[in-house]
N, C-alpha and C. Protein backbone atom coordinates (compact mmCIF):
# COMPACT_ATOMS: atom_id res chain seq x y z
N UNK A 1 0.92 -1.21 0.01
CA UNK A 1 0.01 -0.01 -0.03
C UNK A 1 0.89 1.24 0.01
N UNK A 2 0.74 2.07 -0.92
CA UNK A 2 1.58 3.32 -1.05
C UNK A 2 0.73 4.57 -1.47
N UNK A 3 1.20 5.62 -1.32
CA UNK A 3 0.62 6.86 -1.66
C UNK A 3 1.42 7.47 -2.79
N UNK A 4 0.79 7.67 -3.99
CA UNK A 4 1.54 8.37 -5.05
C UNK A 4 0.68 9.63 -5.43
N UNK A 5 1.29 10.69 -5.09
CA UNK A 5 0.48 12.02 -5.42
C UNK A 5 -0.58 12.26 -4.40
N UNK A 6 -1.86 11.92 -4.75
CA UNK A 6 -2.87 12.14 -3.77
C UNK A 6 -3.29 10.86 -2.99
N UNK A 7 -3.89 11.02 -1.92
CA UNK A 7 -4.31 9.93 -1.09
C UNK A 7 -5.57 9.20 -1.62
N UNK A 8 -5.55 7.94 -1.69
CA UNK A 8 -6.77 7.20 -2.19
C UNK A 8 -7.97 7.49 -1.25
N UNK A 9 -9.21 7.31 -1.74
CA UNK A 9 -10.36 7.63 -1.06
C UNK A 9 -10.44 6.80 0.26
N UNK A 10 -10.07 5.43 0.12
CA UNK A 10 -10.20 4.56 1.25
C UNK A 10 -9.21 4.99 2.35
N UNK A 11 -7.98 5.41 1.88
CA UNK A 11 -7.07 5.81 2.84
C UNK A 11 -7.44 7.01 3.61
N UNK A 12 -7.94 7.94 2.87
CA UNK A 12 -8.50 9.27 3.38
C UNK A 12 -9.58 8.99 4.31
N UNK A 13 -10.51 8.11 3.98
CA UNK A 13 -11.62 7.69 4.99
C UNK A 13 -11.03 7.10 6.27
N UNK A 14 -10.04 6.22 6.18
CA UNK A 14 -9.43 5.59 7.37
C UNK A 14 -8.84 6.80 8.18
N UNK A 15 -8.11 7.64 7.58
CA UNK A 15 -7.49 8.77 8.26
C UNK A 15 -8.50 9.55 9.07
N UNK A 16 -9.65 9.88 8.34
CA UNK A 16 -10.59 10.71 8.94
C UNK A 16 -11.24 9.83 10.22
N UNK A 17 -11.54 8.65 9.90
CA UNK A 17 -12.08 7.75 11.08
C UNK A 17 -11.08 7.84 12.18
N UNK A 18 -9.90 7.55 12.02
CA UNK A 18 -8.89 7.45 13.13
C UNK A 18 -8.77 8.86 13.81
N UNK A 19 -8.93 9.94 13.10
CA UNK A 19 -8.86 11.31 13.72
C UNK A 19 -10.05 11.65 14.59
N UNK A 20 -11.17 10.93 14.24
CA UNK A 20 -12.44 11.14 14.99
C UNK A 20 -12.51 10.26 16.26
N UNK A 21 -11.66 9.24 16.31
CA UNK A 21 -11.75 8.36 17.47
C UNK A 21 -10.98 9.06 18.60
N UNK A 22 -11.44 8.50 19.81
CA UNK A 22 -10.68 8.77 21.02
C UNK A 22 -9.26 8.33 20.82
N UNK A 23 -8.25 8.99 21.50
CA UNK A 23 -6.90 8.69 21.18
C UNK A 23 -6.57 7.20 21.57
N UNK A 24 -7.01 6.75 22.70
CA UNK A 24 -6.81 5.40 23.11
C UNK A 24 -7.39 4.39 22.05
N UNK A 25 -8.57 4.58 21.58
CA UNK A 25 -9.22 3.74 20.65
C UNK A 25 -8.48 3.74 19.31
N UNK A 26 -8.17 4.90 18.86
CA UNK A 26 -7.23 4.97 17.73
C UNK A 26 -5.90 4.22 17.78
N UNK A 27 -5.23 4.41 18.97
CA UNK A 27 -4.05 3.69 19.13
C UNK A 27 -4.24 2.14 19.17
N UNK A 28 -5.39 1.68 19.74
CA UNK A 28 -5.70 0.29 19.81
C UNK A 28 -5.95 -0.24 18.48
N UNK A 29 -6.60 0.49 17.63
CA UNK A 29 -6.88 0.02 16.25
C UNK A 29 -5.62 0.04 15.40
N UNK A 30 -4.81 1.11 15.55
CA UNK A 30 -3.45 1.15 14.81
C UNK A 30 -2.54 0.03 15.17
N UNK A 31 -2.59 -0.42 16.42
CA UNK A 31 -1.81 -1.51 16.99
C UNK A 31 -2.07 -2.80 16.25
N UNK A 32 -3.34 -2.98 15.64
CA UNK A 32 -3.73 -4.18 15.05
C UNK A 32 -3.43 -4.22 13.67
N UNK A 33 -2.98 -3.10 13.04
CA UNK A 33 -2.72 -3.02 11.60
C UNK A 33 -1.29 -3.34 11.28
N UNK A 34 -1.00 -3.82 10.05
CA UNK A 34 0.40 -3.91 9.65
C UNK A 34 1.11 -2.62 9.63
N UNK A 35 2.37 -2.71 9.81
CA UNK A 35 3.24 -1.50 9.92
C UNK A 35 3.01 -0.56 8.71
N UNK A 36 3.00 -1.33 7.46
CA UNK A 36 2.91 -0.42 6.24
C UNK A 36 1.55 0.23 6.20
N UNK A 37 0.50 -0.31 6.75
CA UNK A 37 -0.72 0.47 6.66
C UNK A 37 -0.77 1.65 7.63
N UNK A 38 -0.05 1.40 8.82
CA UNK A 38 0.07 2.52 9.73
C UNK A 38 0.82 3.59 9.12
N UNK A 39 1.84 3.35 8.51
CA UNK A 39 2.69 4.34 7.80
C UNK A 39 1.87 5.07 6.79
N UNK A 40 1.13 4.48 5.96
CA UNK A 40 0.36 5.06 4.87
C UNK A 40 -0.77 5.94 5.53
N UNK A 41 -1.51 5.38 6.49
CA UNK A 41 -2.60 6.20 7.05
C UNK A 41 -2.14 7.41 7.81
N UNK A 42 -0.83 7.26 8.40
CA UNK A 42 -0.27 8.35 9.15
C UNK A 42 0.17 9.54 8.23
N UNK A 43 0.67 9.13 7.02
CA UNK A 43 0.91 10.11 5.98
C UNK A 43 -0.37 10.85 5.50
N UNK A 44 -1.35 10.05 5.32
CA UNK A 44 -2.62 10.60 4.99
C UNK A 44 -3.24 11.67 6.05
N UNK A 45 -3.00 11.31 7.30
CA UNK A 45 -3.47 12.21 8.37
C UNK A 45 -2.69 13.59 8.29
N UNK A 46 -1.38 13.39 8.08
CA UNK A 46 -0.52 14.51 8.00
C UNK A 46 -0.78 15.42 6.73
N UNK A 47 -1.43 14.80 5.72
CA UNK A 47 -1.75 15.57 4.48
C UNK A 47 -3.06 16.14 4.51
N UNK A 48 -3.97 15.79 5.43
CA UNK A 48 -5.34 16.40 5.58
C UNK A 48 -5.29 17.73 5.97
N UNK A 49 -5.91 18.60 5.17
CA UNK A 49 -6.01 20.05 5.49
C UNK A 49 -7.23 20.31 6.27
N UNK A 50 -8.36 20.03 5.69
CA UNK A 50 -9.67 20.20 6.35
C UNK A 50 -10.48 19.10 6.06
N UNK A 51 -11.52 18.85 6.86
CA UNK A 51 -12.42 17.78 6.69
C UNK A 51 -13.85 18.39 6.62
N UNK A 52 -14.57 18.22 5.53
CA UNK A 52 -15.78 18.73 5.27
C UNK A 52 -16.75 18.08 6.18
N UNK A 53 -17.83 18.77 6.38
CA UNK A 53 -18.99 18.25 7.19
C UNK A 53 -19.51 16.94 6.68
N UNK A 54 -19.50 16.79 5.36
CA UNK A 54 -19.89 15.66 4.65
C UNK A 54 -19.08 14.53 4.95
N UNK A 55 -17.76 14.68 5.10
CA UNK A 55 -16.83 13.62 5.34
C UNK A 55 -16.85 13.19 6.85
N UNK A 56 -17.14 14.14 7.64
CA UNK A 56 -17.29 13.82 9.10
C UNK A 56 -18.36 12.83 9.37
């Protein structure tokens, strides 16, 4: 799983979901994912500027 240019819709949705969770819940979920997925979604979180009301 890699990001080239823009973030895929699925990765963006995962990033938004993780950002909306309580910190402990997000950490628990991330701990269950493969390292490459964690890296990818972490990059997506860093690239998010704003989240529209529709995406929330």
